[in-house]
Amino acid sequence: MQRNNLFFFAAWIVSIVAMLGSLFFSEIRHFVPCEMCWYQRILMYPLVLVLSFAALREDYHMKYLIMMFSIIGLCFSVYHYMEQKVPGFGSVKPCVGGVPCSTQYINWGGFITIPFLAGTAFLLITICMLLVKRPVQK
């Protein structure tokens, strides 16, 4: 297994764990996703497929598409986390309907929430893509 393929595979595993984690929280624990959670899911779920193709084909150029999804997802996660943890920040954008984005279903250790977990996954995927290097032409 080549070095680049290892980073694609590691990022793929992270995306699978993130997808299964979000499905666990919504389908098994019955946590209703808020609007920001849906945006993060929209950006994470396709990464499972894209990363699997990138790992199988060892396609260096897919790293840019993957990074675009992961960096945008990281921005959504940081914003969502700030809505939950920074007093007064949640009222900047009122919730459209359903569950407010400031709802904290989990709060492990006083700082680990669902957007924190999603942000960690997006950050790990971004780091893996930054470690992917252009293949040497023979």
Protein backbone atom coordinates (compact mmCIF):
# COMPACT_ATOMS: atom_id res chain seq x y z
CA MET A 1 0.00 0.00 0.00
CA GLN A 2 1.44 3.31 -1.02
CA ARG A 3 1.78 6.22 1.38
CA ASN A 4 -0.97 8.31 -0.26
CA ASN A 5 -3.33 5.37 -0.30
CA LEU A 6 -2.79 4.96 3.45
CA PHE A 7 -3.95 8.54 4.09
CA PHE A 8 -6.98 8.10 1.82
CA PHE A 9 -7.84 4.89 3.65
CA ALA A 10 -7.42 6.52 7.10
CA ALA A 11 -9.66 9.42 6.07
CA TRP A 12 -12.20 6.92 4.72
CA ILE A 13 -12.29 5.11 8.08
CA VAL A 14 -12.82 8.46 9.85
CA SER A 15 -15.71 9.31 7.51
CA ILE A 16 -17.34 5.91 8.07
CA VAL A 17 -17.08 6.28 11.86
CA ALA A 18 -18.55 9.81 11.63
CA MET A 19 -21.43 8.63 9.43
CA LEU A 20 -22.21 5.66 11.67
CA GLY A 21 -21.96 7.89 14.75
CA SER A 22 -24.47 10.36 13.36
CA LEU A 23 -26.81 7.54 12.40
CA PHE A 24 -26.44 6.06 15.89
CA PHE A 25 -27.40 9.35 17.52
CA SER A 26 -30.43 9.87 15.27
CA GLU A 27 -31.72 6.35 14.67
CA ILE A 28 -30.83 4.53 17.90
CA ARG A 29 -30.68 7.30 20.51
CA HIS A 30 -33.52 9.18 18.71
CA PHE A 31 -31.81 12.58 18.81
CA VAL A 32 -33.53 14.81 16.25
CA PRO A 33 -30.89 16.55 14.09
CA CYS A 34 -31.01 20.33 13.95
CA GLU A 35 -30.49 22.39 10.81
CA MET A 36 -26.72 22.71 11.31
CA CYS A 37 -26.43 18.95 11.92
CA TRP A 38 -28.08 18.33 8.56
CA TYR A 39 -25.57 20.60 6.80
CA GLN A 40 -22.70 18.68 8.39
CA ARG A 41 -24.25 15.36 7.37
CA ILE A 42 -24.70 16.62 3.80
CA LEU A 43 -20.96 17.30 3.71
CA MET A 44 -19.82 14.12 5.54
CA TYR A 45 -21.89 11.37 3.93
CA PRO A 46 -20.59 11.85 0.34
CA LEU A 47 -17.04 11.69 1.69
CA VAL A 48 -17.57 8.01 2.48
CA LEU A 49 -18.05 7.27 -1.22
CA VAL A 50 -15.51 9.76 -2.56
CA LEU A 51 -12.81 8.57 -0.17
CA SER A 52 -13.48 4.93 -1.03
CA PHE A 53 -12.97 5.69 -4.74
CA ALA A 54 -9.88 7.77 -3.97
CA ALA A 55 -8.38 4.95 -1.92
CA LEU A 56 -9.21 2.26 -4.48
CA ARG A 57 -7.97 4.24 -7.48
CA GLU A 58 -5.12 5.98 -5.63
CA ASP A 59 -6.27 9.20 -7.29
CA TYR A 60 -4.22 12.12 -6.02
CA HIS A 61 -6.45 14.73 -7.65
CA MET A 62 -9.50 13.73 -5.62
CA LYS A 63 -7.81 15.20 -2.58
CA TYR A 64 -8.94 18.68 -3.64
CA LEU A 65 -12.61 17.71 -3.78
CA ILE A 66 -12.30 15.94 -0.45
CA MET A 67 -10.59 18.94 1.14
CA MET A 68 -13.31 21.25 -0.13
CA PHE A 69 -15.99 19.15 1.58
CA SER A 70 -13.99 18.69 4.78
CA ILE A 71 -12.98 22.34 5.21
CA ILE A 72 -16.51 23.60 4.59
CA GLY A 73 -17.80 20.94 7.00
CA LEU A 74 -15.23 22.02 9.59
CA CYS A 75 -16.45 25.61 9.30
CA PHE A 76 -20.05 24.49 9.87
CA SER A 77 -18.95 22.41 12.87
CA VAL A 78 -17.04 25.30 14.45
CA TYR A 79 -19.99 27.64 13.95
CA HIS A 80 -22.39 25.07 15.38
CA TYR A 81 -20.11 24.42 18.37
CA MET A 82 -19.94 28.17 19.03
CA GLU A 83 -23.75 28.33 18.96
CA GLN A 84 -23.76 25.72 21.72
CA LYS A 85 -20.89 26.91 23.90
CA VAL A 86 -20.55 30.69 23.52
CA PRO A 87 -23.23 32.56 25.49
CA GLY A 88 -25.23 34.90 23.28
CA PHE A 89 -23.83 33.44 20.06
CA GLY A 90 -26.80 31.12 19.57
CA SER A 91 -29.16 34.06 19.30
CA VAL A 92 -27.32 35.53 16.29
CA LYS A 93 -29.30 33.32 13.89
CA PRO A 94 -32.66 32.18 15.23
CA CYS A 95 -33.65 28.58 14.61
CA VAL A 96 -35.98 28.19 11.63
CA GLY A 97 -37.90 25.24 13.02
CA GLY A 98 -37.59 21.95 14.82
CA VAL A 99 -34.75 21.49 17.28
CA PRO A 100 -32.72 24.60 18.16
CA CYS A 101 -29.09 24.35 17.06
CA SER A 102 -27.98 25.28 20.57
CA THR A 103 -29.41 22.01 21.98
CA GLN A 104 -26.71 19.80 23.49
CA TYR A 105 -27.81 16.18 23.41
CA ILE A 106 -24.44 15.07 24.77
CA ASN A 107 -21.87 17.02 26.77
CA TRP A 108 -19.07 14.62 27.65
CA GLY A 109 -16.38 16.13 29.83
CA GLY A 110 -18.06 19.51 29.62
CA PHE A 111 -16.88 20.19 26.05
CA ILE A 112 -17.47 17.19 23.77
CA THR A 113 -20.74 17.68 21.90
CA ILE A 114 -21.99 16.29 18.59
CA PRO A 115 -20.63 19.27 16.56
CA PHE A 116 -17.29 18.82 18.36
CA LEU A 117 -17.20 15.18 17.22
CA ALA A 118 -18.13 16.16 13.65
CA GLY A 119 -15.53 18.92 13.64
CA THR A 120 -12.88 16.49 14.85
CA ALA A 121 -13.74 14.13 11.99
CA PHE A 122 -13.60 16.93 9.42
CA LEU A 123 -10.27 18.11 10.85
CA LEU A 124 -8.77 14.60 10.74
CA ILE A 125 -9.89 14.16 7.13
CA THR A 126 -8.39 17.55 6.23
CA ILE A 127 -5.08 16.63 7.89
CA CYS A 128 -4.99 13.31 6.03
CA MET A 129 -5.54 15.13 2.73
CA LEU A 130 -2.79 17.62 3.53
CA LEU A 131 -0.44 14.66 4.02
CA VAL A 132 -1.26 13.25 0.58
CA LYS A 133 1.62 14.16 -1.73
CA ARG A 134 1.82 14.31 -5.50
CA PRO A 135 2.99 10.92 -6.82
CA VAL A 136 6.45 10.75 -8.33
CA GLN A 137 6.35 10.31 -12.11
CA LYS A 138 8.45 7.39 -13.33
